[in-house]
Amino acid sequence: MRDVVKTPEPRPQEGRPRRRRRNLSLYYLMIISACVIIFLILARTVLFRINEYDISGNSIYSDEQILEAGGLRYGRNLYGINLERTAEKIRKNLIYIEDVSLRRKLPDRFIIEVTEARAFACCEYESRYAIITKTGRYLETEQLGARAGLIQVKGMELTNVALGEDFESRDETKKVIILELMEAISEICDGKITEIDITDRTNITMVYDGRITVDFGSSMDYEYKLKYITAIIEENLEPEAEGTIIYHSTTAGASFIEKGDLELNEQEKEASKNLDSGAEEPEVEN
């Protein structure tokens, strides 16, 4: 009788199912990647074509001028537009636009929000005047006279005057002071200051409402000074009062001299000078 020897059943190879799962994962990843690439290509070529431009905030320039300045047209792809570069082009080509906000709105709208530049002051230079915004950007450069309704700035010593550029001064400190003062004026007493003379930046003078001269002193504590002087004029003086306010300090406050008293003081000073110089009084004929 022969012994029957059973052949052992082959053992399943370990690792084959795991390798199969790994291959399937790689396969799915490739499919997903291909789909993403195809979608991105379609998004920048066929899909998301601009059918509508929503433009707001513009009154100086037409919609067509804004689109042309930014190189924008109907049918362009939403994602083929560089927002930062396009905004800068619009701002550079259209001087009276201060800021531009650009947004995409799927599926086919492009939103443009414009902030127009506001003429805030005119600076005297080389017997001419340059119109600037509150941020110091040139809007016009060849004005022959000061423009009514704007702050007239004297003593700035402007350099490199050019449309659309930010203004510069031979004295960099003067530039900083004027920008700070204009920002504070717009918030505290907008439309009230009609003149700033910064020829001597340690002894700045202003004119309030065309009728009150303010000896402002230096730019130190400029916000406090503006609020304090504005309060004096609006709360303590008559609406038609004319004269000069001299700011002393935070402790000594300020004093107001009426126009009539100023003229009388000037006459007395002139008379005193004449006496000191030995000038004879004119004879009165009978």
Protein backbone atom coordinates (compact mmCIF):
# COMPACT_ATOMS: atom_id res chain seq x y z
CA MET A 1 0.00 0.00 0.00
CA ARG A 2 1.45 3.30 -1.14
CA ASP A 3 1.38 6.40 0.95
CA VAL A 4 -0.31 9.32 -0.74
CA VAL A 5 1.55 12.51 -0.23
CA LYS A 6 -0.62 15.56 -0.58
CA THR A 7 0.90 18.50 -2.30
CA PRO A 8 0.46 21.58 -0.12
CA GLU A 9 -1.86 24.18 -1.58
CA PRO A 10 -0.06 27.24 -2.83
CA ARG A 11 -0.16 30.05 -0.31
CA PRO A 12 -1.56 33.35 -1.54
CA GLN A 13 1.18 35.81 -2.37
CA GLU A 14 1.25 38.52 0.18
CA GLY A 15 1.26 42.13 -1.07
CA ARG A 16 -0.54 41.63 -4.40
CA PRO A 17 -3.89 43.17 -3.29
CA ARG A 18 -2.01 46.06 -1.73
CA ARG A 19 -0.10 46.67 -4.95
CA ARG A 20 -3.36 46.55 -6.89
CA ARG A 21 -4.92 49.14 -4.57
CA ARG A 22 -1.87 51.35 -4.97
CA ASN A 23 -2.15 51.16 -8.75
CA LEU A 24 -5.84 52.04 -8.60
CA SER A 25 -5.11 55.08 -6.39
CA LEU A 26 -2.48 56.28 -8.85
CA TYR A 27 -4.90 55.75 -11.70
CA TYR A 28 -7.63 57.79 -10.00
CA LEU A 29 -5.14 60.52 -9.14
CA MET A 30 -4.08 60.75 -12.77
CA ILE A 31 -7.72 61.01 -13.88
CA ILE A 32 -8.45 63.75 -11.34
CA SER A 33 -5.30 65.66 -12.32
CA ALA A 34 -6.22 65.42 -15.98
CA CYS A 35 -9.74 66.69 -15.25
CA VAL A 36 -8.34 69.63 -13.26
CA ILE A 37 -5.93 70.54 -16.07
CA ILE A 38 -8.69 70.33 -18.67
CA PHE A 39 -10.97 72.49 -16.49
CA LEU A 40 -8.26 75.12 -16.02
CA ILE A 41 -7.58 75.21 -19.76
CA LEU A 42 -11.29 75.58 -20.51
CA ALA A 43 -11.63 78.23 -17.76
CA ARG A 44 -8.98 80.37 -19.42
CA THR A 45 -10.09 79.80 -23.00
CA VAL A 46 -13.71 78.79 -23.54
CA LEU A 47 -15.50 79.27 -20.21
CA PHE A 48 -16.14 82.46 -18.19
CA ARG A 49 -16.25 84.93 -21.07
CA ILE A 50 -17.16 88.47 -19.95
CA ASN A 51 -20.62 89.47 -21.10
CA GLU A 52 -21.19 92.34 -18.63
CA TYR A 53 -19.08 95.10 -17.09
CA ASP A 54 -20.56 96.62 -13.92
CA ILE A 55 -18.86 100.04 -13.50
CA SER A 56 -19.69 102.40 -10.61
CA GLY A 57 -18.35 105.57 -8.99
CA ASN A 58 -17.42 107.32 -12.25
CA SER A 59 -18.80 110.71 -13.25
CA ILE A 60 -15.81 112.34 -14.96
CA TYR A 61 -15.03 109.48 -17.35
CA SER A 62 -17.44 107.34 -19.37
CA ASP A 63 -17.61 103.55 -19.07
CA GLU A 64 -16.01 103.26 -22.51
CA GLN A 65 -13.04 105.43 -21.47
CA ILE A 66 -12.43 103.28 -18.38
CA LEU A 67 -12.59 100.03 -20.35
CA GLU A 68 -10.23 101.39 -23.00
CA ALA A 69 -7.76 102.65 -20.38
CA GLY A 70 -7.61 99.18 -18.81
CA GLY A 71 -7.44 97.30 -22.11
CA LEU A 72 -10.75 95.61 -21.31
CA ARG A 73 -13.31 94.33 -23.82
CA TYR A 74 -16.33 92.08 -24.00
CA GLY A 75 -15.58 88.42 -24.57
CA ARG A 76 -12.34 88.39 -22.62
CA ASN A 77 -11.82 85.59 -20.18
CA LEU A 78 -12.44 86.51 -16.54
CA TYR A 79 -9.31 84.74 -15.36
CA GLY A 80 -7.14 86.05 -18.17
CA ILE A 81 -7.12 89.52 -16.57
CA ASN A 82 -4.44 90.51 -14.08
CA LEU A 83 -6.43 92.57 -11.58
CA GLU A 84 -3.54 94.52 -10.04
CA ARG A 85 -1.92 95.40 -13.35
CA THR A 86 -5.24 96.42 -14.94
CA ALA A 87 -6.16 98.66 -11.99
CA GLU A 88 -2.78 100.41 -12.24
CA LYS A 89 -3.25 100.96 -15.99
CA ILE A 90 -6.64 102.60 -15.43
CA ARG A 91 -5.28 104.81 -12.66
CA LYS A 92 -2.24 105.83 -14.71
CA ASN A 93 -4.11 106.56 -17.95
CA LEU A 94 -7.00 108.43 -16.33
CA ILE A 95 -5.56 111.14 -14.08
CA TYR A 96 -8.79 111.91 -12.25
CA ILE A 97 -9.19 108.36 -10.95
CA GLU A 98 -7.65 107.99 -7.50
CA ASP A 99 -8.32 104.30 -6.90
CA VAL A 100 -9.86 101.28 -8.68
CA SER A 101 -11.25 98.05 -7.24
CA LEU A 102 -11.68 95.11 -9.66
CA ARG A 103 -13.63 91.91 -8.94
CA ARG A 104 -14.78 88.86 -10.89
CA LYS A 105 -18.32 87.59 -10.47
CA LEU A 106 -19.08 84.21 -12.01
CA PRO A 107 -20.15 83.25 -14.50
CA ASP A 108 -19.64 86.29 -16.78
CA ARG A 109 -19.57 89.61 -14.86
CA PHE A 110 -16.60 91.89 -14.21
CA ILE A 111 -17.07 94.56 -11.53
CA ILE A 112 -15.17 97.87 -11.57
CA GLU A 113 -15.54 100.26 -8.61
CA VAL A 114 -13.95 103.66 -9.19
CA THR A 115 -12.93 106.29 -6.63
CA GLU A 116 -12.46 109.57 -8.45
CA ALA A 117 -9.70 111.96 -7.47
CA ARG A 118 -10.73 115.17 -5.75
CA ALA A 119 -8.84 118.39 -6.37
CA PHE A 120 -7.88 119.51 -2.86
CA ALA A 121 -5.20 122.19 -3.11
CA CYS A 122 -3.24 124.27 -5.58
CA CYS A 123 0.48 124.74 -5.00
CA GLU A 124 2.34 127.81 -6.18
CA TYR A 125 5.53 127.16 -8.17
CA GLU A 126 7.51 129.13 -10.77
CA SER A 127 4.73 131.74 -11.14
CA ARG A 128 2.25 128.94 -11.90
CA TYR A 129 -0.01 126.64 -9.91
CA ALA A 130 -0.30 122.85 -9.76
CA ILE A 131 -3.55 121.19 -8.68
CA ILE A 132 -3.07 118.24 -6.31
CA THR A 133 -5.22 115.70 -4.49
CA LYS A 134 -5.27 115.21 -0.74
CA THR A 135 -2.64 112.50 -1.20
CA GLY A 136 -0.37 114.86 -3.18
CA ARG A 137 -0.96 113.55 -6.71
CA TYR A 138 -0.80 116.06 -9.58
CA LEU A 139 -4.08 116.52 -11.47
CA GLU A 140 -3.12 119.69 -13.38
CA THR A 141 0.21 121.46 -13.64
CA GLU A 142 -0.09 124.58 -15.81
CA GLN A 143 -2.64 126.75 -14.01
CA LEU A 144 -1.91 130.48 -14.31
CA GLY A 145 -3.78 131.38 -11.15
CA ALA A 146 -5.04 129.90 -7.90
CA ARG A 147 -8.35 128.08 -8.30
CA ALA A 148 -11.27 129.20 -6.14
CA GLY A 149 -12.52 126.63 -3.67
CA LEU A 150 -9.13 124.96 -3.22
CA ILE A 151 -6.52 125.46 -0.53
CA GLN A 152 -3.75 127.69 -1.83
CA VAL A 153 -0.37 126.33 -0.67
CA LYS A 154 2.62 128.67 -0.68
CA GLY A 155 6.31 128.02 -0.04
CA MET A 156 6.37 124.31 -1.02
CA GLU A 157 9.43 124.50 -3.34
CA LEU A 158 8.06 121.90 -5.76
CA THR A 159 10.33 119.80 -8.00
CA ASN A 160 9.71 117.40 -10.91
CA VAL A 161 6.14 118.55 -11.50
CA ALA A 162 4.37 116.06 -13.82
CA LEU A 163 0.77 114.96 -14.39
CA GLY A 164 -0.28 111.88 -12.47
CA GLU A 165 2.87 111.80 -10.34
CA ASP A 166 3.16 112.41 -6.61
CA PHE A 167 4.44 115.85 -5.73
CA GLU A 168 7.95 116.38 -4.42
CA SER A 169 9.63 119.23 -2.55
CA ARG A 170 13.24 120.31 -2.21
CA ASP A 171 12.52 120.15 1.52
CA GLU A 172 11.19 116.62 2.15
CA THR A 173 9.95 117.65 5.60
CA LYS A 174 7.62 120.23 4.02
CA LYS A 175 6.05 117.49 1.90
CA VAL A 176 5.40 115.34 4.97
CA ILE A 177 3.92 118.29 6.89
CA ILE A 178 1.58 119.34 4.05
CA LEU A 179 0.28 115.78 3.54
CA GLU A 180 -0.41 115.46 7.27
CA LEU A 181 -2.10 118.87 7.42
CA MET A 182 -4.30 118.20 4.38
CA GLU A 183 -5.44 114.86 5.80
CA ALA A 184 -6.28 116.48 9.14
CA ILE A 185 -8.03 119.43 7.48
CA SER A 186 -10.25 117.10 5.44
CA GLU A 187 -11.38 115.39 8.65
CA ILE A 188 -11.60 118.36 11.04
CA CYS A 189 -12.49 121.48 9.03
CA ASP A 190 -12.99 120.43 5.42
CA GLY A 191 -13.58 123.39 3.11
CA LYS A 192 -12.67 125.99 5.73
CA ILE A 193 -8.92 126.49 5.28
CA THR A 194 -8.31 128.63 2.20
CA GLU A 195 -4.55 129.17 2.41
CA ILE A 196 -1.44 127.59 3.93
CA ASP A 197 1.94 129.31 3.87
CA ILE A 198 4.76 126.91 4.72
CA THR A 199 7.65 129.10 3.57
CA ASP A 200 8.96 128.80 7.12
CA ARG A 201 7.90 125.35 8.33
CA THR A 202 8.59 126.34 11.94
CA ASN A 203 6.17 129.26 11.62
CA ILE A 204 3.26 128.09 9.44
CA THR A 205 0.37 130.47 8.77
CA MET A 206 -3.11 129.62 7.54
CA VAL A 207 -6.20 131.50 6.47
CA TYR A 208 -9.57 130.28 7.75
CA ASP A 209 -12.61 130.98 5.57
CA GLY A 210 -10.75 133.77 3.79
CA ARG A 211 -11.17 136.10 6.78
CA ILE A 212 -9.11 134.89 9.74
CA THR A 213 -5.34 134.53 9.63
CA VAL A 214 -3.98 131.83 11.93
CA ASP A 215 -0.42 131.99 13.26
CA PHE A 216 -0.14 128.20 13.52
CA GLY A 217 3.49 127.89 14.54
CA SER A 218 5.19 124.54 13.80
CA SER A 219 3.38 121.36 12.75
CA MET A 220 3.78 119.85 16.20
CA ASP A 221 0.41 118.73 17.65
CA TYR A 222 -1.23 119.80 14.38
CA GLU A 223 -4.45 117.82 14.97
CA TYR A 224 -4.98 119.33 18.41
CA LYS A 225 -4.22 122.81 17.10
CA LEU A 226 -6.69 122.49 14.22
CA LYS A 227 -9.46 121.25 16.51
CA TYR A 228 -8.73 123.96 19.08
CA ILE A 229 -8.61 126.81 16.57
CA THR A 230 -11.72 125.55 14.76
CA ALA A 231 -13.60 125.44 18.06
CA ILE A 232 -12.57 129.02 18.88
CA ILE A 233 -13.75 130.34 15.52
CA GLU A 234 -17.02 128.42 15.39
CA GLU A 235 -18.02 128.72 19.04
CA ASN A 236 -16.53 131.98 20.30
CA LEU A 237 -16.35 134.39 17.37
CA GLU A 238 -19.03 136.15 15.39
CA PRO A 239 -19.82 134.53 12.01
CA GLU A 240 -18.39 137.51 10.11
CA ALA A 241 -15.45 138.21 12.44
CA GLU A 242 -12.14 139.12 10.79
CA GLY A 243 -8.69 139.24 12.30
CA THR A 244 -5.81 137.05 13.46
CA ILE A 245 -5.59 134.11 15.84
CA ILE A 246 -2.20 133.57 17.45
CA TYR A 247 -1.66 130.10 18.87
CA HIS A 248 0.65 130.17 21.89
CA SER A 249 0.78 126.70 23.44
CA THR A 250 -1.40 123.97 24.94
CA THR A 251 -1.24 125.72 28.30
CA ALA A 252 -1.43 129.37 27.18
CA GLY A 253 -4.03 128.70 24.49
CA ALA A 254 -4.58 131.26 21.75
CA SER A 255 -5.55 134.89 21.39
CA PHE A 256 -7.67 136.68 18.81
CA ILE A 257 -6.97 140.20 17.51
CA GLU A 258 -9.72 141.84 15.48
CA LYS A 259 -8.91 143.30 12.10
CA GLY A 260 -9.60 146.88 13.25
CA ASP A 261 -7.17 146.53 16.14
CA LEU A 262 -4.55 145.07 13.81
CA GLU A 263 -4.86 148.03 11.46
CA LEU A 264 -4.62 150.45 14.38
CA ASN A 265 -1.52 148.67 15.65
CA GLU A 266 0.05 148.89 12.20
CA GLN A 267 -0.68 152.62 12.02
CA GLU A 268 0.86 153.15 15.46
CA LYS A 269 3.95 151.15 14.46
CA GLU A 270 4.32 153.19 11.28
CA ALA A 271 3.96 156.44 13.20
CA SER A 272 6.55 155.26 15.71
CA LYS A 273 8.99 154.44 12.91
CA ASN A 274 8.54 157.89 11.41
CA LEU A 275 9.23 159.54 14.75
CA ASP A 276 12.29 157.40 15.34
CA SER A 277 13.65 158.30 11.90
CA GLY A 278 13.15 162.01 12.62
CA ALA A 279 10.62 162.56 9.86
CA GLU A 280 8.96 165.92 10.15
CA GLU A 281 5.19 166.21 10.17
CA PRO A 282 3.93 167.92 7.00
CA GLU A 283 2.95 171.59 7.45
CA VAL A 284 -0.71 172.38 7.14
CA GLU A 285 -1.40 175.33 4.86
CA ASN A 286 -3.90 177.90 6.12
